[in-house]
Amino acid sequence: MAWHNRDLLAACGLALAGLAVQLVPVPGFLHVAAGALLVVVCPGYALTALWFPQPSLGSAERAALTLALSMAVAILGAVAFNLAPWGVSTVTVTALSFGSTVAGSLAAAWRRGRAADVPQAAPGRPLPDMLQWTQLGLAALVVLAAILLVRVPRPADNVTGYTVLAMAPAQSGASSTVSLAVVSGELATTHYTLIVSLDGQTVQQWPDLALTPGEHWQQTLASPPARSGGVLQAKLYKAQDPTTVYRSTSLVLNP
């Protein structure tokens, strides 16, 4: 009774065409159109046919469930692939959509064969099908779980903060001054030591400079007398590693 499954054959054929289009060079609009059908239509249609093997759904309900289940497959698959070493890519999402369509269609065809052997209720007196209501409820739970999962951000792995150290001549008229700035882009409050030296000799330091994430610190420093070509250098250290220069910058005085 393969003719009863012509819609499932069409869904598999459409999924195969969508898969092929993603693997060959074609115009961009074909990639988008075929990819949308493969991801948004085919898996959900096959799963809807699996859960509702008999024609008990109206066109609107079947279309809504098709879209919802397709999106659930895509979202849950994206979350799973993001946790896996290979990550989310066009290949993984395409393979998931195609595999879900074929597997769902085969299972749906099997269920339709079994449903055909079940005696049907007399016209006008349909028998209540609690299994179908249960399956519809499970479909709603899957969609809800997919939405909740995609809204919860994953913990950041291998993410580090940064700090900006800058030094430049200050715009203060004729006086010889320099402007120092430290901007924290760290992930938590960070304690620094800032040392300013002229030709290797310390001229000023801030032993405990604490900045919260996003905080900006600025200080104007009178430039000490120096020979032509003297180098004013600023070095920034983190409190947890006071022997390693974290950031440094220099300024040539009276070039």
C-alpha atoms as a PDB file:
ATOM      1  CA  MET A   1       0.000   0.000   0.000  1.00  0.00           C
ATOM      2  CA  ALA A   2       2.802   2.343  -0.918  1.00  0.00           C
ATOM      3  CA  TRP A   3       0.358   4.772  -2.504  1.00  0.00           C
ATOM      4  CA  HIS A   4      -0.931   5.595   0.981  1.00  0.00           C
ATOM      5  CA  ASN A   5       2.542   6.903   1.768  1.00  0.00           C
ATOM      6  CA  ARG A   6       3.010   9.094  -1.282  1.00  0.00           C
ATOM      7  CA  ASP A   7       3.180  12.157   0.958  1.00  0.00           C
ATOM      8  CA  LEU A   8       5.982  10.554   2.977  1.00  0.00           C
ATOM      9  CA  LEU A   9       7.836   9.655  -0.209  1.00  0.00           C
ATOM     10  CA  ALA A  10       7.435  13.257  -1.339  1.00  0.00           C
ATOM     11  CA  ALA A  11       8.784  14.515   2.002  1.00  0.00           C
ATOM     12  CA  CYS A  12      11.837  12.245   1.699  1.00  0.00           C
ATOM     13  CA  GLY A  13      12.363  13.307  -1.901  1.00  0.00           C
ATOM     14  CA  LEU A  14      12.122  16.952  -0.940  1.00  0.00           C
ATOM     15  CA  ALA A  15      14.588  16.388   1.892  1.00  0.00           C
ATOM     16  CA  LEU A  16      16.981  14.603  -0.460  1.00  0.00           C
ATOM     17  CA  ALA A  17      16.744  17.473  -2.943  1.00  0.00           C
ATOM     18  CA  GLY A  18      17.391  19.971  -0.156  1.00  0.00           C
ATOM     19  CA  LEU A  19      20.412  17.979   0.969  1.00  0.00           C
ATOM     20  CA  ALA A  20      21.787  17.820  -2.575  1.00  0.00           C
ATOM     21  CA  VAL A  21      21.341  21.558  -3.106  1.00  0.00           C
ATOM     22  CA  GLN A  22      23.392  22.289   0.016  1.00  0.00           C
ATOM     23  CA  LEU A  23      26.287  20.200  -1.324  1.00  0.00           C
ATOM     24  CA  VAL A  24      26.564  21.608  -4.835  1.00  0.00           C
ATOM     25  CA  PRO A  25      27.257  25.140  -6.085  1.00  0.00           C
ATOM     26  CA  VAL A  26      23.917  26.740  -6.945  1.00  0.00           C
ATOM     27  CA  PRO A  27      22.570  30.304  -6.756  1.00  0.00           C
ATOM     28  CA  GLY A  28      22.132  31.631  -3.253  1.00  0.00           C
ATOM     29  CA  PHE A  29      18.343  31.854  -3.365  1.00  0.00           C
ATOM     30  CA  LEU A  30      18.154  28.120  -4.136  1.00  0.00           C
ATOM     31  CA  HIS A  31      20.320  27.367  -1.108  1.00  0.00           C
ATOM     32  CA  VAL A  32      17.992  29.418   1.073  1.00  0.00           C
ATOM     33  CA  ALA A  33      14.751  28.001  -0.365  1.00  0.00           C
ATOM     34  CA  ALA A  34      15.867  24.371  -0.308  1.00  0.00           C
ATOM     35  CA  GLY A  35      17.427  24.754   3.117  1.00  0.00           C
ATOM     36  CA  ALA A  36      14.258  26.292   4.534  1.00  0.00           C
ATOM     37  CA  LEU A  37      12.119  23.429   3.206  1.00  0.00           C
ATOM     38  CA  LEU A  38      14.584  20.850   4.488  1.00  0.00           C
ATOM     39  CA  VAL A  39      14.838  22.322   7.987  1.00  0.00           C
ATOM     40  CA  VAL A  40      11.417  23.916   8.565  1.00  0.00           C
ATOM     41  CA  VAL A  41       9.031  21.533   6.748  1.00  0.00           C
ATOM     42  CA  CYS A  42      10.331  18.014   6.137  1.00  0.00           C
ATOM     43  CA  PRO A  43      11.222  16.782   9.668  1.00  0.00           C
ATOM     44  CA  GLY A  44       8.044  18.165  11.212  1.00  0.00           C
ATOM     45  CA  TYR A  45       5.824  16.658   8.522  1.00  0.00           C
ATOM     46  CA  ALA A  46       7.362  13.214   9.002  1.00  0.00           C
ATOM     47  CA  LEU A  47       7.061  13.413  12.792  1.00  0.00           C
ATOM     48  CA  THR A  48       3.470  14.643  12.568  1.00  0.00           C
ATOM     49  CA  ALA A  49       2.650  11.664  10.353  1.00  0.00           C
ATOM     50  CA  LEU A  50       4.357   9.405  12.871  1.00  0.00           C
ATOM     51  CA  TRP A  51       2.388  10.709  15.841  1.00  0.00           C
ATOM     52  CA  PHE A  52      -0.902  10.984  13.955  1.00  0.00           C
ATOM     53  CA  PRO A  53      -0.956   8.104  11.452  1.00  0.00           C
ATOM     54  CA  GLN A  54      -4.695   8.460  10.799  1.00  0.00           C
ATOM     55  CA  PRO A  55      -6.119  11.541   9.027  1.00  0.00           C
ATOM     56  CA  SER A  56      -7.579  12.955  12.231  1.00  0.00           C
ATOM     57  CA  LEU A  57      -5.946  16.398  12.006  1.00  0.00           C
ATOM     58  CA  GLY A  58      -7.211  19.304   9.969  1.00  0.00           C
ATOM     59  CA  SER A  59      -4.953  21.075   7.504  1.00  0.00           C
ATOM     60  CA  ALA A  60      -4.329  24.013   9.827  1.00  0.00           C
ATOM     61  CA  GLU A  61      -3.480  21.814  12.805  1.00  0.00           C
ATOM     62  CA  ARG A  62      -1.182  19.628  10.711  1.00  0.00           C
ATOM     63  CA  ALA A  63       0.612  22.683   9.280  1.00  0.00           C
ATOM     64  CA  ALA A  64       1.082  24.230  12.745  1.00  0.00           C
ATOM     65  CA  LEU A  65       2.367  20.970  14.206  1.00  0.00           C
ATOM     66  CA  THR A  66       4.675  20.461  11.223  1.00  0.00           C
ATOM     67  CA  LEU A  67       6.261  23.862  11.764  1.00  0.00           C
ATOM     68  CA  ALA A  68       6.495  23.425  15.549  1.00  0.00           C
ATOM     69  CA  LEU A  69       8.109  19.984  15.382  1.00  0.00           C
ATOM     70  CA  SER A  70      10.549  21.067  12.674  1.00  0.00           C
ATOM     71  CA  MET A  71      11.659  24.004  14.804  1.00  0.00           C
ATOM     72  CA  ALA A  72      11.924  21.740  17.852  1.00  0.00           C
ATOM     73  CA  VAL A  73      14.210  19.359  15.954  1.00  0.00           C
ATOM     74  CA  ALA A  74      16.359  22.242  14.714  1.00  0.00           C
ATOM     75  CA  ILE A  75      16.633  23.934  18.116  1.00  0.00           C
ATOM     76  CA  LEU A  76      17.308  20.791  20.125  1.00  0.00           C
ATOM     77  CA  GLY A  77      19.778  19.635  17.487  1.00  0.00           C
ATOM     78  CA  ALA A  78      21.587  22.978  17.571  1.00  0.00           C
ATOM     79  CA  VAL A  79      21.867  22.799  21.361  1.00  0.00           C
ATOM     80  CA  ALA A  80      23.190  19.233  21.194  1.00  0.00           C
ATOM     81  CA  PHE A  81      25.671  20.016  18.409  1.00  0.00           C
ATOM     82  CA  ASN A  82      26.871  23.094  20.269  1.00  0.00           C
ATOM     83  CA  LEU A  83      27.806  20.854  23.191  1.00  0.00           C
ATOM     84  CA  ALA A  84      29.552  18.386  20.884  1.00  0.00           C
ATOM     85  CA  PRO A  85      33.138  18.835  19.652  1.00  0.00           C
ATOM     86  CA  TRP A  86      32.109  19.430  16.027  1.00  0.00           C
ATOM     87  CA  GLY A  87      29.756  22.307  16.864  1.00  0.00           C
ATOM     88  CA  VAL A  88      26.847  23.731  14.870  1.00  0.00           C
ATOM     89  CA  SER A  89      27.338  23.995  11.111  1.00  0.00           C
ATOM     90  CA  THR A  90      25.397  23.749   7.889  1.00  0.00           C
ATOM     91  CA  VAL A  91      26.520  20.135   7.496  1.00  0.00           C
ATOM     92  CA  THR A  92      25.358  19.009  10.946  1.00  0.00           C
ATOM     93  CA  VAL A  93      21.987  20.787  10.774  1.00  0.00           C
ATOM     94  CA  THR A  94      21.359  19.539   7.236  1.00  0.00           C
ATOM     95  CA  ALA A  95      22.257  15.980   8.180  1.00  0.00           C
ATOM     96  CA  LEU A  96      20.003  16.123  11.240  1.00  0.00           C
ATOM     97  CA  SER A  97      17.032  17.403   9.222  1.00  0.00           C
ATOM     98  CA  PHE A  98      17.489  14.802   6.488  1.00  0.00           C
ATOM     99  CA  GLY A  99      17.982  11.954   8.950  1.00  0.00           C
ATOM    100  CA  SER A 100      14.946  13.010  11.001  1.00  0.00           C
ATOM    101  CA  THR A 101      12.817  13.145   7.859  1.00  0.00           C
ATOM    102  CA  VAL A 102      13.816   9.693   6.629  1.00  0.00           C
ATOM    103  CA  ALA A 103      13.589   8.043  10.054  1.00  0.00           C
ATOM    104  CA  GLY A 104      10.280   9.733  10.840  1.00  0.00           C
ATOM    105  CA  SER A 105       8.831   8.781   7.447  1.00  0.00           C
ATOM    106  CA  LEU A 106       9.806   5.112   7.820  1.00  0.00           C
ATOM    107  CA  ALA A 107       8.307   4.953  11.297  1.00  0.00           C
ATOM    108  CA  ALA A 108       5.186   6.785  10.128  1.00  0.00           C
ATOM    109  CA  ALA A 109       4.701   4.354   7.237  1.00  0.00           C
ATOM    110  CA  TRP A 110       4.951   1.449   9.692  1.00  0.00           C
ATOM    111  CA  ARG A 111       2.407   3.052  12.033  1.00  0.00           C
ATOM    112  CA  ARG A 112       0.039   3.745   9.161  1.00  0.00           C
ATOM    113  CA  GLY A 113       0.185   0.086   8.212  1.00  0.00           C
ATOM    114  CA  ARG A 114      -0.757  -0.912  11.733  1.00  0.00           C
ATOM    115  CA  ALA A 115      -3.478   1.745  11.958  1.00  0.00           C
ATOM    116  CA  ALA A 116      -5.073   0.401   8.754  1.00  0.00           C
ATOM    117  CA  ASP A 117      -5.740  -2.914  10.526  1.00  0.00           C
ATOM    118  CA  VAL A 118      -7.605  -1.253  13.418  1.00  0.00           C
ATOM    119  CA  PRO A 119     -11.412  -1.198  12.961  1.00  0.00           C
ATOM    120  CA  GLN A 120     -12.703   2.309  12.417  1.00  0.00           C
ATOM    121  CA  ALA A 121     -15.588   3.797  14.372  1.00  0.00           C
ATOM    122  CA  ALA A 122     -18.934   4.317  12.703  1.00  0.00           C
ATOM    123  CA  PRO A 123     -19.280   7.639  10.882  1.00  0.00           C
ATOM    124  CA  GLY A 124     -20.501  10.394  13.157  1.00  0.00           C
ATOM    125  CA  ARG A 125     -19.431   8.544  16.318  1.00  0.00           C
ATOM    126  CA  PRO A 126     -15.622   8.833  16.462  1.00  0.00           C
ATOM    127  CA  LEU A 127     -13.904   6.920  19.210  1.00  0.00           C
ATOM    128  CA  PRO A 128     -11.803   9.073  21.578  1.00  0.00           C
ATOM    129  CA  ASP A 129      -8.100   8.496  20.972  1.00  0.00           C
ATOM    130  CA  MET A 130      -6.290   9.299  24.221  1.00  0.00           C
ATOM    131  CA  LEU A 131      -2.975   8.248  22.718  1.00  0.00           C
ATOM    132  CA  GLN A 132      -3.190  11.018  20.146  1.00  0.00           C
ATOM    133  CA  TRP A 133      -3.969  13.602  22.805  1.00  0.00           C
ATOM    134  CA  THR A 134      -1.011  12.340  24.816  1.00  0.00           C
ATOM    135  CA  GLN A 135       1.242  12.590  21.780  1.00  0.00           C
ATOM    136  CA  LEU A 136       0.032  16.126  21.067  1.00  0.00           C
ATOM    137  CA  GLY A 137       0.812  17.072  24.659  1.00  0.00           C
ATOM    138  CA  LEU A 138       4.291  15.588  24.341  1.00  0.00           C
ATOM    139  CA  ALA A 139       4.820  17.581  21.149  1.00  0.00           C
ATOM    140  CA  ALA A 140       3.899  20.769  23.004  1.00  0.00           C
ATOM    141  CA  LEU A 141       6.330  19.859  25.791  1.00  0.00           C
ATOM    142  CA  VAL A 142       9.114  19.275  23.259  1.00  0.00           C
ATOM    143  CA  VAL A 143       8.527  22.686  21.690  1.00  0.00           C
ATOM    144  CA  LEU A 144       8.421  24.355  25.115  1.00  0.00           C
ATOM    145  CA  ALA A 145      11.625  22.586  26.196  1.00  0.00           C
ATOM    146  CA  ALA A 146      13.346  23.662  22.973  1.00  0.00           C
ATOM    147  CA  ILE A 147      12.388  27.290  23.548  1.00  0.00           C
ATOM    148  CA  LEU A 148      13.577  27.178  27.161  1.00  0.00           C
ATOM    149  CA  LEU A 149      16.870  25.529  26.215  1.00  0.00           C
ATOM    150  CA  VAL A 150      17.677  28.020  23.496  1.00  0.00           C
ATOM    151  CA  ARG A 151      16.959  30.949  25.840  1.00  0.00           C
ATOM    152  CA  VAL A 152      19.363  29.718  28.538  1.00  0.00           C
ATOM    153  CA  PRO A 153      22.931  30.786  27.695  1.00  0.00           C
ATOM    154  CA  ARG A 154      25.684  28.238  27.966  1.00  0.00           C
ATOM    155  CA  PRO A 155      28.479  28.857  30.451  1.00  0.00           C
ATOM    156  CA  ALA A 156      31.338  30.681  28.767  1.00  0.00           C
ATOM    157  CA  ASP A 157      34.300  28.378  28.180  1.00  0.00           C
ATOM    158  CA  ASN A 158      37.865  29.630  27.700  1.00  0.00           C
ATOM    159  CA  VAL A 159      36.716  33.250  27.909  1.00  0.00           C
ATOM    160  CA  THR A 160      39.186  35.696  29.444  1.00  0.00           C
ATOM    161  CA  GLY A 161      38.938  39.366  30.223  1.00  0.00           C
ATOM    162  CA  TYR A 162      41.250  42.146  29.090  1.00  0.00           C
ATOM    163  CA  THR A 163      42.629  45.458  30.318  1.00  0.00           C
ATOM    164  CA  VAL A 164      43.592  48.534  28.341  1.00  0.00           C
ATOM    165  CA  LEU A 165      46.547  50.686  29.448  1.00  0.00           C
ATOM    166  CA  ALA A 166      47.119  53.990  27.664  1.00  0.00           C
ATOM    167  CA  MET A 167      49.519  56.923  28.075  1.00  0.00           C
ATOM    168  CA  ALA A 168      49.609  60.094  25.977  1.00  0.00           C
ATOM    169  CA  PRO A 169      50.561  63.759  26.295  1.00  0.00           C
ATOM    170  CA  ALA A 170      47.772  65.599  28.083  1.00  0.00           C
ATOM    171  CA  GLN A 171      45.998  68.537  26.455  1.00  0.00           C
ATOM    172  CA  SER A 172      46.687  71.061  29.219  1.00  0.00           C
ATOM    173  CA  GLY A 173      48.150  74.143  27.618  1.00  0.00           C
ATOM    174  CA  ALA A 174      51.841  74.788  28.040  1.00  0.00           C
ATOM    175  CA  SER A 175      52.388  72.518  31.063  1.00  0.00           C
ATOM    176  CA  SER A 176      54.259  69.318  30.427  1.00  0.00           C
ATOM    177  CA  THR A 177      51.904  66.570  31.559  1.00  0.00           C
ATOM    178  CA  VAL A 178      50.918  63.098  30.471  1.00  0.00           C
ATOM    179  CA  SER A 179      47.609  61.361  30.806  1.00  0.00           C
ATOM    180  CA  LEU A 180      47.383  57.774  32.076  1.00  0.00           C
ATOM    181  CA  ALA A 181      44.298  55.626  31.599  1.00  0.00           C
ATOM    182  CA  VAL A 182      43.365  52.087  32.622  1.00  0.00           C
ATOM    183  CA  VAL A 183      40.145  50.488  31.387  1.00  0.00           C
ATOM    184  CA  SER A 184      39.079  47.145  32.838  1.00  0.00           C
ATOM    185  CA  GLY A 185      37.361  44.620  30.631  1.00  0.00           C
ATOM    186  CA  GLU A 186      37.968  41.827  33.117  1.00  0.00           C
ATOM    187  CA  LEU A 187      35.218  39.475  34.271  1.00  0.00           C
ATOM    188  CA  ALA A 188      35.497  40.438  37.956  1.00  0.00           C
ATOM    189  CA  THR A 189      36.951  43.167  40.160  1.00  0.00           C
ATOM    190  CA  THR A 190      40.699  43.182  39.555  1.00  0.00           C
ATOM    191  CA  HIS A 191      43.520  44.669  41.629  1.00  0.00           C
ATOM    192  CA  TYR A 192      46.509  46.127  39.805  1.00  0.00           C
ATOM    193  CA  THR A 193      49.850  47.739  40.537  1.00  0.00           C
ATOM    194  CA  LEU A 194      50.770  50.563  38.170  1.00  0.00           C
ATOM    195  CA  ILE A 195      54.379  51.780  38.020  1.00  0.00           C
ATOM    196  CA  VAL A 196      55.593  54.730  35.958  1.00  0.00           C
ATOM    197  CA  SER A 197      59.324  55.044  35.357  1.00  0.00           C
ATOM    198  CA  LEU A 198      61.635  57.387  33.453  1.00  0.00           C
ATOM    199  CA  ASP A 199      64.633  55.726  31.820  1.00  0.00           C
ATOM    200  CA  GLY A 200      64.255  52.816  34.237  1.00  0.00           C
ATOM    201  CA  GLN A 201      63.883  54.927  37.408  1.00  0.00           C
ATOM    202  CA  THR A 202      60.496  54.794  39.164  1.00  0.00           C
ATOM    203  CA  VAL A 203      58.832  58.207  39.358  1.00  0.00           C
ATOM    204  CA  GLN A 204      55.393  57.223  40.651  1.00  0.00           C
ATOM    205  CA  GLN A 205      53.359  54.130  41.420  1.00  0.00           C
ATOM    206  CA  TRP A 206      49.879  53.061  42.474  1.00  0.00           C
ATOM    207  CA  PRO A 207      50.278  49.850  44.527  1.00  0.00           C
ATOM    208  CA  ASP A 208      46.594  48.877  44.748  1.00  0.00           C
ATOM    209  CA  LEU A 209      44.450  50.068  41.890  1.00  0.00           C
ATOM    210  CA  ALA A 210      41.108  48.212  42.017  1.00  0.00           C
ATOM    211  CA  LEU A 211      38.726  48.355  39.064  1.00  0.00           C
ATOM    212  CA  THR A 212      35.383  46.679  38.535  1.00  0.00           C
ATOM    213  CA  PRO A 213      34.439  45.287  35.090  1.00  0.00           C
ATOM    214  CA  GLY A 214      33.936  48.180  32.702  1.00  0.00           C
ATOM    215  CA  GLU A 215      35.394  50.770  35.073  1.00  0.00           C
ATOM    216  CA  HIS A 216      37.654  53.496  33.679  1.00  0.00           C
ATOM    217  CA  TRP A 217      40.509  55.046  35.691  1.00  0.00           C
ATOM    218  CA  GLN A 218      42.384  58.143  34.515  1.00  0.00           C
ATOM    219  CA  GLN A 219      45.168  60.225  36.045  1.00  0.00           C
ATOM    220  CA  THR A 220      47.170  63.225  34.854  1.00  0.00           C
ATOM    221  CA  LEU A 221      50.853  63.087  35.765  1.00  0.00           C
ATOM    222  CA  ALA A 222      53.348  65.939  35.612  1.00  0.00           C
ATOM    223  CA  SER A 223      56.094  64.892  33.271  1.00  0.00           C
ATOM    224  CA  PRO A 224      59.441  64.893  35.125  1.00  0.00           C
ATOM    225  CA  PRO A 225      62.425  66.743  33.605  1.00  0.00           C
ATOM    226  CA  ALA A 226      64.160  64.526  31.117  1.00  0.00           C
ATOM    227  CA  ARG A 227      66.860  64.690  28.533  1.00  0.00           C
ATOM    228  CA  SER A 228      65.837  64.737  24.918  1.00  0.00           C
ATOM    229  CA  GLY A 229      64.691  61.265  23.935  1.00  0.00           C
ATOM    230  CA  GLY A 230      64.006  60.134  27.497  1.00  0.00           C
ATOM    231  CA  VAL A 231      61.509  57.272  27.701  1.00  0.00           C
ATOM    232  CA  LEU A 232      58.594  57.411  30.141  1.00  0.00           C
ATOM    233  CA  GLN A 233      57.237  53.919  30.647  1.00  0.00           C
ATOM    234  CA  ALA A 234      54.117  52.640  32.399  1.00  0.00           C
ATOM    235  CA  LYS A 235      53.861  49.015  33.510  1.00  0.00           C
ATOM    236  CA  LEU A 236      50.728  47.358  34.852  1.00  0.00           C
ATOM    237  CA  TYR A 237      50.777  44.230  37.018  1.00  0.00           C
ATOM    238  CA  LYS A 238      47.942  42.090  38.305  1.00  0.00           C
ATOM    239  CA  ALA A 239      47.895  41.550  42.057  1.00  0.00           C
ATOM    240  CA  GLN A 240      47.738  37.761  41.654  1.00  0.00           C
ATOM    241  CA  ASP A 241      50.897  37.807  39.521  1.00  0.00           C
ATOM    242  CA  PRO A 242      52.981  40.785  40.728  1.00  0.00           C
ATOM    243  CA  THR A 243      56.167  39.734  38.949  1.00  0.00           C
ATOM    244  CA  THR A 244      54.761  39.539  35.429  1.00  0.00           C
ATOM    245  CA  VAL A 245      54.058  42.652  33.374  1.00  0.00           C
ATOM    246  CA  TYR A 246      50.422  42.417  32.279  1.00  0.00           C
ATOM    247  CA  ARG A 247      50.306  45.576  30.160  1.00  0.00           C
ATOM    248  CA  SER A 248      52.938  48.192  29.290  1.00  0.00           C
ATOM    249  CA  THR A 249      53.209  51.340  27.240  1.00  0.00           C
ATOM    250  CA  SER A 250      55.881  53.989  26.727  1.00  0.00           C
ATOM    251  CA  LEU A 251      56.216  57.598  25.606  1.00  0.00           C
ATOM    252  CA  VAL A 252      59.299  59.339  24.269  1.00  0.00           C
ATOM    253  CA  LEU A 253      59.747  62.760  25.924  1.00  0.00           C
ATOM    254  CA  ASN A 254      61.142  65.790  24.086  1.00  0.00           C
ATOM    255  CA  PRO A 255      61.929  63.881  20.900  1.00  0.00           C
END
